[in-house]
Protein backbone atom coordinates (compact mmCIF):
# COMPACT_ATOMS: atom_id res chain seq x y z
CA UNK A 1 97.73 76.19 123.93
CA UNK A 2 96.78 79.85 124.01
CA UNK A 3 94.36 80.75 126.97
CA UNK A 4 91.54 82.70 124.55
CA UNK A 5 92.02 80.43 121.38
CA UNK A 6 88.72 81.38 120.32
CA UNK A 7 88.76 84.87 120.87
CA UNK A 8 92.25 84.95 119.04
CA UNK A 9 90.89 83.10 115.98
CA UNK A 10 87.90 85.47 115.76
CA UNK A 11 90.24 88.36 116.10
CA UNK A 12 92.56 87.05 113.43
CA UNK A 13 89.49 86.49 111.01
CA UNK A 14 88.46 89.90 111.43
CA UNK A 15 91.97 91.39 110.66
CA UNK A 16 91.92 89.33 107.46
CA UNK A 17 88.43 90.53 106.56
CA UNK A 18 89.43 94.11 107.30
CA UNK A 19 92.64 93.62 105.12
CA UNK A 20 90.54 92.23 102.07
CA UNK A 21 88.08 95.30 102.39
CA UNK A 22 91.16 97.66 102.33
CA UNK A 23 92.68 96.03 99.32
CA UNK A 24 89.30 95.90 97.49
CA UNK A 25 88.99 99.44 97.78
CA UNK A 26 92.39 100.25 96.11
CA UNK A 27 92.07 97.34 93.81
CA UNK A 28 94.13 97.97 90.67
CA UNK A 29 95.74 101.04 92.37
CA UNK A 30 99.38 100.60 93.29
CA UNK A 31 100.06 104.39 93.26
CA UNK A 32 98.25 105.43 96.39
CA UNK A 33 99.97 108.68 97.73
CA UNK A 34 99.82 110.18 101.09
CA UNK A 35 98.02 112.97 99.37
CA UNK A 36 95.17 110.98 98.49
CA UNK A 37 94.87 109.65 102.18
CA UNK A 38 95.16 113.15 103.88
CA UNK A 39 92.32 115.36 104.38
CA UNK A 40 92.31 119.05 104.12
CA UNK A 41 93.58 120.16 107.52
CA UNK A 42 95.91 117.10 108.01
CA UNK A 43 99.02 118.48 106.71
CA UNK A 44 98.89 121.47 109.34
CA UNK A 45 98.03 119.05 112.07
CA UNK A 46 101.08 116.98 111.40
CA UNK A 47 103.37 119.69 111.19
CA UNK A 48 102.03 121.23 114.44
CA UNK A 49 102.07 117.81 116.20
CA UNK A 50 105.52 117.19 115.21
CA UNK A 51 106.93 120.69 116.27
CA UNK A 52 104.92 120.06 119.76
CA UNK A 53 106.83 116.97 120.12
CA UNK A 54 110.27 117.57 118.84
CA UNK A 55 110.74 121.50 120.01
CA UNK A 56 110.49 120.82 123.86
CA UNK A 57 112.90 117.83 123.59
CA UNK A 58 115.43 119.98 121.54
CA UNK A 59 115.28 122.87 123.90
CA UNK A 60 115.87 120.44 126.97
CA UNK A 61 118.77 118.90 125.20
CA UNK A 62 120.34 122.27 124.22
CA UNK A 63 119.69 123.59 127.70
CA UNK A 64 121.77 120.66 129.17
CA UNK A 65 124.54 121.13 126.70
CA UNK A 66 124.42 124.83 127.59
CA UNK A 67 124.61 124.01 131.42
CA UNK A 68 127.57 121.58 130.84
CA UNK A 69 129.56 123.96 128.89
CA UNK A 70 128.80 126.88 131.54
CA UNK A 71 130.22 124.63 134.32
CA UNK A 72 133.23 123.63 132.28
CA UNK A 73 134.04 127.23 131.58
CA UNK A 74 133.28 128.60 135.01
CA UNK A 75 135.03 125.91 136.81
């Protein structure tokens, strides 16, 4: 038995309602593309956020590899 069964049931009913509304908006359209869902500045924001996420991690990995190579050559 779930501790908050009524809350769980209400949440599931709400999810089903929301899904039906979303499907109703796109009724008859199976070809929904990403371009249809994006707004004007979203592409730039997605690219910028990807760069801000990936570049620092790549730089850290590159620095670790460079340091490891340096210690193997110097020592």
